[in-house]
Protein backbone atom coordinates (compact mmCIF):
# COMPACT_ATOMS: atom_id res chain seq x y z
CA MET A 1 6.01 28.43 -29.95
CA PHE A 2 7.62 31.33 -32.19
CA THR A 3 8.67 34.98 -31.34
CA GLY A 4 8.35 36.82 -35.09
CA ILE A 5 11.44 37.54 -35.97
CA VAL A 6 13.33 35.69 -38.59
CA ALA A 7 16.32 33.21 -38.62
CA ALA A 8 16.67 32.21 -41.78
CA VAL A 9 15.81 32.84 -45.37
CA GLY A 10 15.11 30.15 -47.39
CA ARG A 11 14.36 28.54 -50.81
CA ILE A 12 11.42 26.48 -51.52
CA VAL A 13 12.15 23.79 -54.57
CA GLN A 14 10.32 21.59 -54.61
CA VAL A 15 6.78 20.93 -53.78
CA GLN A 16 5.19 17.18 -55.00
CA PRO A 17 1.53 16.61 -54.28
CA TYR A 18 0.26 13.27 -53.50
CA GLU A 19 -2.76 11.71 -52.01
CA SER A 20 -3.41 10.28 -49.44
CA LYS A 21 -5.54 8.07 -48.30
CA ASP A 22 -8.51 9.44 -46.63
CA GLY A 23 -8.87 11.33 -50.42
CA GLY A 24 -7.32 14.42 -49.05
CA GLY A 25 -4.46 15.17 -50.81
CA GLY A 26 -1.86 17.94 -49.75
CA ALA A 27 1.90 18.49 -50.84
CA ARG A 28 5.47 17.13 -49.86
CA VAL A 29 7.74 20.48 -49.67
CA ARG A 30 10.97 20.42 -50.08
CA ILE A 31 13.39 23.82 -48.16
CA ASP A 32 17.07 24.59 -48.98
CA ALA A 33 17.91 26.17 -45.49
CA ALA A 34 21.16 26.37 -45.36
CA ASP A 35 21.87 29.73 -43.53
CA LEU A 36 19.56 28.92 -40.90
CA GLY A 37 21.38 25.74 -39.98
CA LEU A 38 20.07 23.17 -39.44
CA ALA A 39 22.78 20.52 -36.75
CA ASP A 40 20.80 21.22 -33.88
CA VAL A 41 16.97 19.94 -35.66
CA GLN A 42 15.07 16.91 -35.69
CA LEU A 43 12.68 14.72 -36.67
CA GLY A 44 9.29 16.38 -35.56
CA ASP A 45 10.91 19.52 -35.13
CA SER A 46 8.56 22.80 -35.51
CA ILE A 47 9.76 24.91 -37.57
CA ALA A 48 7.94 28.91 -38.70
CA VAL A 49 7.66 28.26 -42.72
CA GLN A 50 6.50 31.74 -44.40
CA GLY A 51 4.55 32.08 -40.19
CA ALA A 52 2.81 28.95 -40.49
CA CYS A 53 4.13 26.40 -38.24
CA MET A 54 5.61 23.06 -39.63
CA THR A 55 6.48 20.27 -38.70
CA VAL A 56 9.88 18.76 -40.11
CA VAL A 57 9.52 14.88 -41.88
CA ALA A 58 13.11 14.20 -43.58
CA LEU A 59 16.39 15.85 -43.49
CA ASP A 60 19.93 16.54 -45.31
CA GLY A 61 22.50 18.79 -44.11
CA HIS A 62 21.27 21.82 -45.58
CA SER A 63 17.71 21.06 -46.00
CA PHE A 64 14.46 19.58 -44.42
CA GLU A 65 11.28 18.37 -45.92
CA ILE A 66 7.80 18.76 -44.56
CA ASP A 67 3.74 17.39 -45.25
CA ILE A 68 1.16 20.28 -45.75
CA SER A 69 -2.23 18.81 -45.69
CA ARG A 70 -4.89 20.89 -48.75
CA GLU A 71 -6.47 22.32 -45.86
CA SER A 72 -3.51 24.37 -44.99
CA LEU A 73 -2.21 25.23 -48.55
CA ARG A 74 -5.55 26.83 -49.27
CA LEU A 75 -5.00 28.86 -46.16
CA THR A 76 -1.62 30.10 -47.02
CA ALA A 77 -0.05 32.12 -49.07
CA GLY A 78 3.90 31.09 -50.21
CA LEU A 79 4.10 27.85 -49.46
CA ASP A 80 2.62 26.17 -52.78
CA ARG A 81 5.48 27.21 -55.44
CA THR A 82 8.99 27.25 -55.25
CA GLY A 83 10.16 30.28 -54.23
CA GLU A 84 11.26 32.15 -50.84
CA VAL A 85 10.21 31.85 -47.58
CA ASN A 86 10.33 32.93 -44.06
CA LEU A 87 12.14 30.66 -41.67
CA GLU A 88 12.24 30.61 -36.93
CA LYS A 89 13.25 27.69 -35.21
CA ALA A 90 11.03 27.15 -32.33
CA LEU A 91 11.42 28.93 -29.65
CA ARG A 92 13.38 26.80 -26.15
CA VAL A 93 13.83 28.20 -22.52
CA GLY A 94 15.98 30.04 -22.31
CA ASP A 95 15.49 31.93 -25.60
CA ALA A 96 15.40 35.81 -25.93
CA LEU A 97 11.98 36.84 -26.48
CA GLY A 98 12.47 39.35 -29.39
CA GLY A 99 9.24 39.82 -30.96
CA HIS A 100 5.82 39.03 -29.26
CA LEU A 101 4.56 35.43 -28.37
CA VAL A 102 3.67 33.64 -31.98
CA SER A 103 2.24 30.27 -32.70
CA GLY A 104 2.58 29.44 -36.34
CA HIS A 105 -1.51 29.20 -36.68
CA VAL A 106 -2.20 31.54 -39.87
CA ASP A 107 -5.45 33.48 -38.48
CA GLY A 108 -6.28 34.84 -42.20
CA LEU A 109 -4.76 36.29 -45.55
CA GLY A 110 -4.31 39.40 -46.02
CA THR A 111 -4.41 41.85 -49.30
CA VAL A 112 -0.77 44.04 -49.97
CA VAL A 113 -2.94 47.33 -50.29
CA ALA A 114 0.55 49.51 -50.62
CA TYR A 115 4.17 48.96 -49.85
CA ALA A 116 5.50 52.49 -51.00
CA PRO A 117 9.00 54.21 -49.71
CA ILE A 118 9.12 56.89 -47.41
CA GLY A 119 12.68 58.74 -45.90
CA GLU A 120 14.95 55.08 -45.34
CA SER A 121 12.06 52.89 -44.18
CA ARG A 122 8.80 51.50 -46.62
CA GLU A 123 5.19 51.57 -45.52
CA LEU A 124 2.89 48.90 -45.42
CA ILE A 125 0.07 48.79 -45.85
CA ILE A 126 -2.86 45.13 -45.25
CA ARG A 127 -5.77 44.28 -46.06
CA ALA A 128 -6.45 42.18 -43.31
CA PRO A 129 -10.09 40.55 -43.33
CA ASN A 130 -13.19 41.95 -41.58
CA GLU A 131 -13.58 39.45 -38.99
CA MET A 132 -9.98 40.30 -37.71
CA ALA A 133 -9.89 43.82 -37.37
CA LYS A 134 -11.31 42.84 -33.58
CA TYR A 135 -8.03 42.41 -33.32
CA LEU A 136 -5.93 44.47 -34.58
CA ALA A 137 -4.82 48.24 -32.83
CA TYR A 138 -2.88 50.30 -33.03
CA LYS A 139 0.54 49.89 -31.63
CA GLY A 140 -0.85 46.27 -31.02
CA SER A 141 1.63 43.71 -32.48
CA VAL A 142 0.78 41.28 -35.93
CA THR A 143 2.48 38.97 -38.20
CA VAL A 144 2.91 38.88 -41.31
CA ASN A 145 4.63 36.02 -43.26
CA GLY A 146 5.94 34.92 -39.54
CA ILE A 147 7.37 38.60 -39.33
CA SER A 148 6.44 40.54 -35.51
CA LEU A 149 5.61 44.00 -36.00
CA THR A 150 3.89 46.86 -35.03
CA VAL A 151 0.81 48.08 -36.30
CA ASN A 152 1.53 51.75 -36.53
CA GLY A 153 -2.51 52.59 -38.32
CA VAL A 154 -6.29 50.54 -38.54
CA GLN A 155 -8.07 52.02 -40.89
CA ASP A 156 -11.74 50.18 -40.84
CA GLY A 157 -14.25 49.78 -43.96
CA ALA A 158 -17.00 47.61 -45.47
CA GLU A 159 -13.84 45.50 -47.37
CA GLY A 160 -12.24 44.62 -44.12
CA SER A 161 -9.46 46.42 -42.02
CA ASP A 162 -6.71 48.26 -43.21
CA ILE A 163 -3.64 48.22 -41.72
CA THR A 164 -0.08 50.86 -41.60
CA ILE A 165 2.74 49.19 -41.09
CA ASN A 166 6.63 50.96 -41.30
CA VAL A 167 9.24 48.40 -42.53
CA ILE A 168 12.78 49.28 -41.54
CA PRO A 169 15.44 49.23 -43.80
CA HIS A 170 17.50 46.00 -41.48
CA THR A 171 13.10 44.05 -41.90
CA GLN A 172 12.88 44.81 -45.95
CA ASN A 173 16.25 43.57 -46.38
CA MET A 174 17.03 40.07 -44.50
CA THR A 175 12.46 39.10 -45.14
CA THR A 176 11.20 38.17 -47.79
CA LEU A 177 9.25 41.89 -47.61
CA ARG A 178 12.20 42.40 -50.38
CA ASN A 179 9.58 40.46 -52.71
CA VAL A 180 6.65 41.91 -51.56
CA ASN A 181 3.84 43.19 -54.22
CA VAL A 182 1.06 44.97 -54.08
CA GLY A 183 -1.57 42.47 -54.47
CA ASP A 184 -0.05 39.95 -53.45
CA LYS A 185 -1.05 37.74 -50.83
CA VAL A 186 0.37 37.53 -46.72
CA ASN A 187 -0.35 35.21 -43.95
CA LEU A 188 -1.43 37.32 -40.84
CA GLU A 189 -1.72 35.92 -37.12
CA ILE A 190 -3.36 38.26 -35.01
CA ASP A 191 -1.89 38.73 -31.36
CA THR A 192 -2.39 35.13 -29.42
CA ILE A 193 -3.07 38.16 -26.06
CA ALA A 194 -5.94 39.46 -27.73
CA ARG A 195 -7.16 36.24 -29.26
CA TYR A 196 -7.73 35.55 -25.23
CA VAL A 197 -8.48 39.37 -23.95
CA GLU A 198 -11.76 38.75 -26.89
CA ARG A 199 -12.62 34.72 -25.30
CA MET A 200 -12.97 36.13 -21.78
CA MET A 201 -14.84 39.08 -22.38
CA ARG A 202 -17.66 37.37 -24.67
CA VAL A 203 -18.16 34.43 -22.70
CA SER A 204 -18.02 36.69 -19.62
CA THR A 205 -21.02 38.86 -21.03
CA VAL A 206 -22.78 36.16 -22.90
CA SER A 207 -22.79 33.93 -19.26
CA GLY A 208 -23.12 36.27 -17.38
CA LEU A 209 -20.11 35.15 -15.45
CA PRO A 210 -18.36 36.99 -13.07
CA GLY A 211 -16.07 39.89 -14.88
CA ALA A 212 -19.32 40.32 -16.82
C-alpha cells in the first residue's frame, strides 16, 4: 500500500528482456534510486515505480532491480525503457497519509491531451478509458504515474473520459510530470474507495441483498 506522495525520482538505467520457462517472458529492470535512500530496503520489499507496485529482487547501495512480466509491460507505460520514474516505498504503520490510499495496481492507461501553463500552475487533461469513467469524480482522487492528484473536472465522451487536474509547481518540479508531453501514455489507478463502492452497489442490485 502506498500514498501517492512521490519520495524521489529515480532513473531506469537498464532493461534486460528475458524469456521465462513458460514462454511468457518479461524484463529485468535496474533503477538508479540514490535519492530514494535504500538503507532500510530489503530484498522482497515493495516499491512503487511510476505507479506500479514492484518487488525488489536485487539491491546495492544506490540502485535496485525488479522483474516485470510481459503482461505488466503491456499494461503499463514508462517501464520498458530507460528514463526517469517516480518512486515511493511501501507505506508503514505510523507513516503520514499525505495523499490517498494507493495499491500500486495500474487500472488503465490514459493519454495526455493537454498540458499547458495556467498562472503559476499547469492544467493537465488526461483522456481515461471509458471503463474507468464511473470511478472518476469531481474533487475525487486519481493516481497518475504514482502521483496522488485531485480531479478538478470530468467530461465524458465517446472516446473516453477527460479529467482535468491542476498541477502545482512543486508537483511539476519534483515528479516525472516535468517530462510529460501531449500524446504520452500515463499509468492510472482509481481510488480504492470508489472501487469498493461500485462493487457493493452492483452486487446488492443484482442479487437483491439487503441495501439494494
